[in-house]
N, C-alpha and C. Protein backbone atom coordinates (compact mmCIF):
# COMPACT_ATOMS: atom_id res chain seq x y z
N MET A 1 136.09 70.89 86.53
CA MET A 1 135.35 69.37 86.65
C MET A 1 135.17 68.38 86.20
N ALA A 2 135.17 67.23 87.06
CA ALA A 2 135.01 66.16 86.97
C ALA A 2 135.13 65.53 85.65
N ASP A 3 135.76 64.50 85.63
CA ASP A 3 135.76 63.37 84.08
C ASP A 3 134.70 62.82 84.52
N ARG A 4 132.96 62.53 83.63
CA ARG A 4 132.82 61.28 83.50
C ARG A 4 132.48 60.05 83.32
N ALA A 5 132.57 59.20 83.42
CA ALA A 5 132.29 57.56 82.32
C ALA A 5 131.64 58.38 81.70
N LEU A 6 130.98 58.39 80.31
CA LEU A 6 129.90 57.64 80.10
C LEU A 6 129.30 56.03 79.93
N LYS A 7 127.56 56.65 80.82
CA LYS A 7 127.20 55.08 80.95
C LYS A 7 126.30 54.71 79.33
N ARG A 8 127.01 53.76 79.44
CA ARG A 8 126.81 52.80 78.26
C ARG A 8 125.21 51.77 78.53
N ARG A 9 124.33 51.95 77.32
CA ARG A 9 123.30 51.54 77.60
C ARG A 9 122.75 50.71 76.95
N CYS A 10 122.40 49.50 77.95
CA CYS A 10 121.96 48.13 77.81
C CYS A 10 121.06 47.74 77.90
N VAL A 11 120.42 47.10 77.19
CA VAL A 11 119.01 47.33 76.80
C VAL A 11 118.27 45.20 76.54
N VAL A 12 117.91 45.32 77.96
CA VAL A 12 117.59 43.28 77.62
C VAL A 12 116.02 44.04 77.32
N LEU A 13 115.63 42.48 75.71
CA LEU A 13 114.51 43.04 75.34
C LEU A 13 113.78 41.13 75.74
N CYS A 14 112.52 41.30 75.98
CA CYS A 14 111.43 40.13 76.50
C CYS A 14 110.55 40.06 75.60
N ILE A 15 110.52 39.13 74.21
CA ILE A 15 109.59 39.37 73.49
C ILE A 15 108.60 38.08 73.66
N GLY A 16 107.44 37.94 73.72
CA GLY A 16 106.49 37.34 74.06
C GLY A 16 105.27 37.76 74.14
N ASN A 17 104.16 37.01 73.99
CA ASN A 17 102.74 37.22 74.01
C ASN A 17 102.27 35.68 75.16
N PRO A 18 101.74 36.81 76.56
CA PRO A 18 101.76 36.48 78.35
C PRO A 18 100.46 35.06 78.16
N GLN A 19 99.96 35.12 77.11
CA GLN A 19 98.52 34.37 76.18
C GLN A 19 98.84 33.31 75.79
N ARG A 20 99.94 33.03 75.25
CA ARG A 20 99.66 31.92 74.12
C ARG A 20 101.07 31.00 75.24
N GLY A 21 100.15 30.34 75.57
CA GLY A 21 101.31 29.44 76.48
C GLY A 21 103.16 29.56 75.74
N ASP A 22 104.15 29.04 75.28
CA ASP A 22 105.30 28.59 75.58
C ASP A 22 106.07 29.92 74.64
N ASP A 23 105.23 31.05 73.77
CA ASP A 23 105.24 32.19 73.26
C ASP A 23 105.25 33.03 74.52
N ALA A 24 104.74 33.02 75.71
CA ALA A 24 105.25 34.64 77.07
C ALA A 24 107.01 33.72 77.55
N ALA A 25 107.57 32.88 76.69
CA ALA A 25 108.70 32.33 77.22
C ALA A 25 109.48 34.14 77.34
N GLY A 26 109.75 34.64 76.83
CA GLY A 26 110.61 35.70 76.95
C GLY A 26 110.40 36.40 77.88
N ARG A 27 109.07 36.65 78.13
CA ARG A 27 108.30 37.74 79.23
C ARG A 27 108.34 36.67 80.98
N ALA A 28 108.39 35.76 80.47
CA ALA A 28 108.82 35.02 81.56
C ALA A 28 110.22 34.69 82.04
N VAL A 29 111.25 35.10 81.21
CA VAL A 29 112.38 35.36 81.16
C VAL A 29 112.65 36.72 81.96
N ALA A 30 112.12 38.21 81.79
CA ALA A 30 112.44 39.35 81.95
C ALA A 30 111.73 39.06 83.67
N ARG A 31 110.64 38.55 84.02
CA ARG A 31 110.69 38.29 85.20
C ARG A 31 111.99 37.68 86.42
N ALA A 32 112.48 36.50 86.07
CA ALA A 32 113.42 35.77 86.12
C ALA A 32 114.61 36.95 86.09
N LEU A 33 114.98 37.25 85.64
CA LEU A 33 115.86 38.26 85.50
C LEU A 33 116.25 39.78 86.35
N ARG A 34 114.72 40.10 86.72
CA ARG A 34 114.40 41.45 87.73
C ARG A 34 115.18 40.52 88.25
N ALA A 35 114.83 39.86 88.83
CA ALA A 35 115.55 39.13 90.42
C ALA A 35 117.13 38.80 90.18
N LEU A 36 117.44 38.60 89.31
CA LEU A 36 118.99 38.48 89.49
C LEU A 36 119.81 39.87 88.86
N LEU A 37 119.45 41.02 88.15
CA LEU A 37 120.20 42.16 88.12
C LEU A 37 119.76 43.93 88.70
N ASP A 38 120.27 44.41 88.35
CA ASP A 38 119.85 45.60 89.06
C ASP A 38 120.40 46.51 88.15
N GLY A 39 119.92 47.64 87.87
CA GLY A 39 120.94 48.38 86.67
C GLY A 39 120.32 48.96 85.40
N VAL A 40 119.90 47.17 84.93
CA VAL A 40 119.62 46.81 83.45
C VAL A 40 118.35 46.81 82.95
N GLU A 41 118.40 48.30 81.99
CA GLU A 41 116.52 48.19 81.89
C GLU A 41 116.45 46.71 81.16
N ILE A 42 115.23 45.86 81.92
CA ILE A 42 114.54 45.39 80.37
C ILE A 42 113.00 45.35 80.29
N VAL A 43 112.82 44.52 79.47
CA VAL A 43 112.01 45.36 78.40
C VAL A 43 110.91 44.59 78.45
N GLU A 44 109.38 44.18 78.18
CA GLU A 44 109.17 43.37 78.02
C GLU A 44 107.83 43.70 77.08
N GLU A 45 108.05 43.45 75.43
CA GLU A 45 107.57 43.66 74.23
C GLU A 45 106.67 42.58 73.67
N GLU A 46 105.26 42.59 72.99
CA GLU A 46 104.92 41.73 72.44
C GLU A 46 105.41 41.51 70.96
N GLY A 47 107.04 41.83 70.50
CA GLY A 47 107.12 41.77 69.22
C GLY A 47 106.83 42.72 68.09
N GLU A 48 106.13 43.09 67.90
CA GLU A 48 106.16 44.35 66.77
C GLU A 48 107.01 44.88 66.55
N ALA A 49 107.68 44.77 65.53
CA ALA A 49 108.48 45.44 64.43
C ALA A 49 109.12 47.12 65.04
N THR A 50 107.30 47.61 65.25
CA THR A 50 108.11 49.33 65.42
C THR A 50 109.04 49.46 66.90
N ARG A 51 107.70 48.57 67.44
CA ARG A 51 108.50 48.54 68.94
C ARG A 51 109.87 48.79 69.26
N VAL A 52 110.07 47.01 68.56
CA VAL A 52 111.09 46.26 68.67
C VAL A 52 112.75 47.45 68.21
N LEU A 53 111.93 47.95 67.49
CA LEU A 53 113.52 48.90 66.30
C LEU A 53 113.14 50.21 67.24
N ALA A 54 112.42 50.60 67.63
CA ALA A 54 112.23 51.81 69.24
C ALA A 54 113.58 51.14 70.53
N ARG A 55 112.91 50.20 70.84
CA ARG A 55 113.80 49.52 71.92
C ARG A 55 115.79 49.75 71.72
N LEU A 56 115.84 49.12 70.49
CA LEU A 56 117.48 49.11 70.33
C LEU A 56 117.60 49.76 70.21
N ALA A 57 116.79 50.82 69.61
CA ALA A 57 118.12 52.71 68.72
C ALA A 57 118.18 53.15 70.33
N GLY A 58 119.80 53.17 70.22
CA GLY A 58 120.67 54.36 70.60
C GLY A 58 120.88 53.05 71.61
N ALA A 59 121.01 51.85 72.27
CA ALA A 59 121.31 51.38 73.14
C ALA A 59 123.11 50.60 72.15
N ASP A 60 124.08 50.61 73.70
CA ASP A 60 125.35 49.85 72.75
C ASP A 60 125.24 48.77 72.94
N ALA A 61 124.09 48.21 73.96
CA ALA A 61 124.17 46.48 73.85
C ALA A 61 122.40 46.02 74.02
N ALA A 62 122.25 44.89 73.56
CA ALA A 62 120.60 44.07 73.45
C ALA A 62 121.40 43.38 73.66
N PHE A 63 119.64 42.80 74.35
CA PHE A 63 120.07 41.49 74.75
C PHE A 63 118.66 40.85 74.21
N ILE A 64 118.12 40.17 73.59
CA ILE A 64 117.54 39.26 73.18
C ILE A 64 116.62 38.37 73.19
N VAL A 65 115.36 37.87 73.80
CA VAL A 65 114.89 37.17 74.45
C VAL A 65 113.30 35.92 73.65
N ASP A 66 112.85 35.21 72.79
CA ASP A 66 111.70 35.04 72.32
C ASP A 66 111.98 33.55 72.51
N ALA A 67 110.75 32.98 72.01
CA ALA A 67 110.25 31.66 71.66
C ALA A 67 110.86 31.17 69.93
N CYS A 68 110.85 30.53 69.69
CA CYS A 68 110.59 30.32 68.36
C CYS A 68 110.37 28.92 68.38
N VAL A 69 110.19 28.88 66.86
CA VAL A 69 109.52 27.41 65.85
C VAL A 69 110.32 26.41 65.25
N SER A 70 111.23 25.46 65.26
CA SER A 70 111.95 25.53 64.33
C SER A 70 112.56 24.18 64.09
N GLY A 71 111.47 23.29 65.14
CA GLY A 71 111.62 21.86 64.61
C GLY A 71 112.51 20.66 65.93
N GLN A 72 112.95 21.89 66.48
CA GLN A 72 113.94 21.42 67.61
C GLN A 72 112.94 21.06 68.83
N ALA A 73 113.62 20.40 70.25
CA ALA A 73 112.81 20.05 71.47
C ALA A 73 111.99 21.09 71.85
N PRO A 74 111.43 20.75 72.64
CA PRO A 74 110.58 21.83 73.36
C PRO A 74 112.07 22.04 74.61
N GLY A 75 111.78 23.51 74.24
CA GLY A 75 112.81 24.16 75.77
C GLY A 75 114.34 24.16 74.95
N GLU A 76 114.69 23.86 73.87
CA GLU A 76 115.76 23.87 73.47
C GLU A 76 116.75 25.38 73.07
N ILE A 77 117.40 25.54 73.82
CA ILE A 77 118.43 27.06 73.81
C ILE A 77 119.05 26.73 72.58
N ARG A 78 119.15 28.04 71.68
CA ARG A 78 120.33 29.13 71.12
C ARG A 78 120.51 30.43 71.54
N ARG A 79 121.95 30.18 71.10
CA ARG A 79 121.59 31.84 71.28
C ARG A 79 122.96 32.11 69.89
N PHE A 80 122.27 33.62 70.00
CA PHE A 80 122.70 34.32 68.51
C PHE A 80 123.93 34.97 68.49
N ASP A 81 124.91 35.72 68.16
CA ASP A 81 125.96 37.19 68.55
C ASP A 81 125.11 37.70 66.65
N ILE A 82 123.84 38.78 66.54
CA ILE A 82 123.43 38.93 65.58
C ILE A 82 124.16 40.04 65.17
N GLY A 83 125.31 40.98 66.18
CA GLY A 83 126.21 42.46 66.16
C GLY A 83 127.09 41.12 64.45
N ALA A 84 127.82 39.82 64.87
CA ALA A 84 128.77 39.23 63.88
C ALA A 84 127.63 38.61 62.39
N GLY A 85 126.93 38.43 62.29
CA GLY A 85 125.84 38.20 61.27
C GLY A 85 124.43 38.19 61.19
N PRO A 86 123.84 37.71 60.45
CA PRO A 86 122.44 37.39 60.34
C PRO A 86 121.35 36.95 61.52
N LEU A 87 120.37 37.20 62.11
CA LEU A 87 119.60 36.04 62.91
C LEU A 87 119.36 35.68 62.20
N PRO A 88 119.34 33.61 61.47
CA PRO A 88 118.73 32.49 61.02
C PRO A 88 117.04 32.45 61.33
N HIS A 89 116.10 32.64 59.49
CA HIS A 89 115.07 33.36 59.55
C HIS A 89 113.84 32.04 59.91
N THR A 90 115.18 31.12 59.88
CA THR A 90 114.11 29.75 60.71
C THR A 90 113.84 29.37 61.63
N GLY A 91 112.56 29.30 62.35
CA GLY A 91 112.19 29.66 63.47
C GLY A 91 112.14 30.70 64.58
N PHE A 92 112.05 31.76 63.20
CA PHE A 92 111.62 33.51 63.46
C PHE A 92 110.85 34.20 63.01
N SER A 93 110.73 33.48 61.44
CA SER A 93 109.83 34.82 60.91
C SER A 93 109.03 34.15 60.80
N ALA A 94 108.06 33.67 61.43
CA ALA A 94 106.46 32.76 61.51
C ALA A 94 106.63 33.08 62.75
N SER A 95 105.68 33.94 63.64
CA SER A 95 105.37 34.83 64.99
C SER A 95 104.41 34.45 65.24
N THR A 96 103.54 34.34 66.27
CA THR A 96 102.59 35.45 66.88
C THR A 96 102.65 36.37 66.41
N HIS A 97 103.46 37.41 66.65
CA HIS A 97 103.22 38.45 66.93
C HIS A 97 102.92 39.04 65.14
N GLY A 98 103.44 38.14 64.09
CA GLY A 98 103.43 39.04 62.98
C GLY A 98 104.43 38.73 62.39
N PHE A 99 105.10 40.31 61.90
CA PHE A 99 106.37 40.71 61.05
C PHE A 99 107.08 39.97 61.95
N GLY A 100 108.46 38.62 62.06
CA GLY A 100 109.00 38.06 63.07
C GLY A 100 110.37 38.91 63.05
N LEU A 101 110.99 38.25 64.25
CA LEU A 101 112.35 39.15 64.77
C LEU A 101 113.05 39.25 64.47
N ALA A 102 113.73 37.93 62.84
CA ALA A 102 114.48 37.89 62.02
C ALA A 102 114.19 39.34 61.29
N GLU A 103 113.14 39.21 60.97
CA GLU A 103 112.80 40.50 60.36
C GLU A 103 113.67 41.99 60.54
N ALA A 104 112.54 42.04 61.85
CA ALA A 104 112.93 43.21 62.41
C ALA A 104 114.22 43.97 63.39
N VAL A 105 115.52 42.50 63.40
CA VAL A 105 117.00 42.41 63.00
C VAL A 105 117.37 43.39 62.32
N GLU A 106 116.80 42.35 61.36
CA GLU A 106 117.29 43.18 59.64
C GLU A 106 116.95 44.47 58.90
N LEU A 107 116.07 44.55 60.21
CA LEU A 107 115.79 46.40 59.66
C LEU A 107 115.85 47.15 60.20
N ALA A 108 116.65 47.47 61.40
CA ALA A 108 117.42 47.29 62.55
C ALA A 108 118.93 47.46 61.74
N ARG A 109 119.49 46.54 61.77
CA ARG A 109 120.59 46.77 60.52
C ARG A 109 120.57 46.96 59.53
N ALA A 110 119.84 47.13 58.86
CA ALA A 110 119.65 48.01 57.76
C ALA A 110 119.72 49.73 57.45
N LEU A 111 119.23 49.85 58.65
CA LEU A 111 118.79 51.30 58.93
C LEU A 111 120.04 51.53 59.79
N GLY A 112 120.95 50.68 60.11
CA GLY A 112 121.72 50.91 61.48
C GLY A 112 121.94 51.59 63.00
N ALA A 113 119.96 51.27 63.28
CA ALA A 113 120.25 50.76 64.59
C ALA A 113 120.19 49.94 65.96
N LEU A 114 121.02 48.74 64.90
CA LEU A 114 121.51 47.69 65.64
C LEU A 114 122.60 47.38 66.73
N PRO A 115 122.00 47.73 67.00
CA PRO A 115 123.83 48.09 69.00
C PRO A 115 124.79 47.17 68.37
N PRO A 116 126.32 47.93 68.28
CA PRO A 116 127.49 46.81 68.09
C PRO A 116 127.26 45.49 68.29
N ARG A 117 127.05 45.61 70.01
CA ARG A 117 126.52 43.77 70.59
C ARG A 117 125.58 43.73 70.75
N CYS A 118 124.65 42.96 69.58
CA CYS A 118 123.84 41.93 70.31
C CYS A 118 123.39 40.61 70.15
N VAL A 119 122.86 39.71 71.09
CA VAL A 119 122.45 39.25 71.61
C VAL A 119 121.53 38.95 71.44
N VAL A 120 120.84 37.86 70.55
CA VAL A 120 119.89 36.72 70.60
C VAL A 120 119.36 35.62 70.90
N TYR A 121 118.61 34.92 72.52
CA TYR A 121 118.79 34.22 72.36
C TYR A 121 117.05 33.29 72.76
N ALA A 122 117.09 31.92 72.06
CA ALA A 122 116.07 31.24 71.35
C ALA A 122 115.49 30.13 72.36
N ILE A 123 114.30 30.02 73.10
CA ILE A 123 113.71 28.91 73.03
C ILE A 123 112.84 28.48 72.54
N GLU A 124 113.30 27.34 72.69
CA GLU A 124 112.55 26.66 72.24
C GLU A 124 110.40 26.18 72.06
N GLY A 125 109.51 26.72 71.55
CA GLY A 125 108.84 26.53 72.17
C GLY A 125 107.85 25.08 71.71
N ALA A 126 107.10 24.60 71.78
CA ALA A 126 105.84 23.82 72.22
C ALA A 126 104.45 23.85 71.78
N SER A 127 103.98 25.03 72.52
CA SER A 127 102.21 25.03 72.72
C SER A 127 102.03 26.51 72.36
N PHE A 128 101.77 26.99 71.51
CA PHE A 128 101.19 28.33 71.64
C PHE A 128 99.93 29.06 71.59
N ASP A 129 99.08 27.96 72.17
CA ASP A 129 97.38 27.74 72.87
C ASP A 129 96.91 29.02 73.80
N ILE A 130 95.62 29.58 72.57
CA ILE A 130 95.43 31.23 73.33
C ILE A 130 95.08 30.25 74.89
N GLY A 131 95.63 30.62 76.04
CA GLY A 131 95.46 30.52 78.01
C GLY A 131 96.31 29.13 78.27
N ALA A 132 97.74 29.08 77.42
CA ALA A 132 97.90 27.26 78.29
C ALA A 132 98.70 28.10 78.92
N PRO A 133 99.80 27.65 79.85
CA PRO A 133 100.62 27.60 80.26
C PRO A 133 102.03 27.33 79.72
N LEU A 134 103.12 27.97 80.49
CA LEU A 134 104.82 27.73 79.28
C LEU A 134 104.79 25.95 79.76
N SER A 135 105.05 25.34 78.79
CA SER A 135 105.26 23.92 79.04
C SER A 135 106.23 23.63 79.84
N PRO A 136 106.68 22.15 80.97
CA PRO A 136 107.26 22.11 81.50
C PRO A 136 108.63 22.57 80.60
N ALA A 137 109.12 22.13 79.65
CA ALA A 137 110.92 21.99 79.04
C ALA A 137 110.70 23.87 78.78
N VAL A 138 109.92 24.02 78.56
CA VAL A 138 110.53 25.73 78.48
C VAL A 138 110.40 26.86 79.83
N ALA A 139 109.21 25.62 80.43
CA ALA A 139 109.47 26.67 82.43
C ALA A 139 111.17 26.89 82.10
N THR A 140 111.39 25.60 82.34
CA THR A 140 112.68 24.61 82.63
C THR A 140 113.95 26.01 81.87
N ALA A 141 113.71 25.36 80.35
CA ALA A 141 115.12 26.97 80.09
C ALA A 141 114.94 28.35 80.50
N VAL A 142 113.44 29.38 80.64
CA VAL A 142 113.72 30.33 80.69
C VAL A 142 114.38 30.32 82.11
N GLU A 143 114.12 29.52 83.17
CA GLU A 143 116.03 29.37 84.53
C GLU A 143 116.95 29.50 83.30
N ILE A 144 117.23 28.60 82.57
CA ILE A 144 119.14 28.78 81.98
C ILE A 144 118.97 29.60 81.58
N VAL A 145 118.20 30.64 81.02
CA VAL A 145 118.68 31.35 79.77
C VAL A 145 118.92 32.75 81.03
N ALA A 146 118.08 32.40 81.90
CA ALA A 146 118.09 34.21 83.02
C ALA A 146 119.50 33.77 83.19
N ALA A 147 119.61 32.75 83.66
CA ALA A 147 121.16 31.92 84.58
C ALA A 147 122.13 32.69 83.83
N ARG A 148 121.88 32.48 81.78
CA ARG A 148 123.11 32.64 81.46
C ARG A 148 123.20 33.90 80.78
N MET A 149 122.11 34.34 80.80
CA MET A 149 122.42 36.49 80.28
C MET A 149 122.11 37.20 80.92
N ARG A 150 122.67 36.41 82.22
CA ARG A 150 123.14 37.40 83.37
C ARG A 150 124.60 37.56 83.30
N ALA A 151 124.64 36.69 83.25
CA ALA A 151 126.23 36.05 82.80
C ALA A 151 126.68 37.34 81.54
N ASP A 152 126.59 36.59 80.57
CA ASP A 152 126.61 37.50 78.96
C ASP A 152 126.42 38.69 79.43
N ILE A 153 125.63 39.25 80.48
CA ILE A 153 125.29 40.43 80.26
C ILE A 153 126.44 41.49 81.34
N LEU A 154 127.09 40.44 82.53
CA LEU A 154 127.78 41.13 83.70
C LEU A 154 129.00 40.58 83.35
N GLY A 155 129.29 39.93 82.12
CA GLY A 155 130.60 40.16 81.58
C GLY A 155 131.81 38.24 82.47
N ASP A 156 130.73 37.55 82.96
CA ASP A 156 131.12 36.33 83.67
C ASP A 156 131.58 35.74 83.00
């Protein structure tokens, strides 16, 4: 019997509400990444905590992207290695999806379900109005984040 290397599961979780302006940033990153990556599980979610936990379960690595509101300039991009430490609550605790991403991540950590390698990309939003498109600064940030995530995932 030939030795077979175990395939590591990497999930890219792109969070957002496609009907709420800049909150759709994560979903837009998902679309951009699908054009850049093959063979990687790219999932779009609205950010409901139990669904986030379910998506992270059993993953060896996870990359998460979501819009945030922390007072930075619209389109500002931040990267957090949450395998090494907690995600700051500032900007993530108040969410259009209810329970914030920071709380969902810390719940996953407490349950032992946080993948050993877990990275969050945050895009500062400006407008979260129902029916609004992405603001120009966030649309630009989406392309930058997709390229950075691709490099991060592939180890470039």
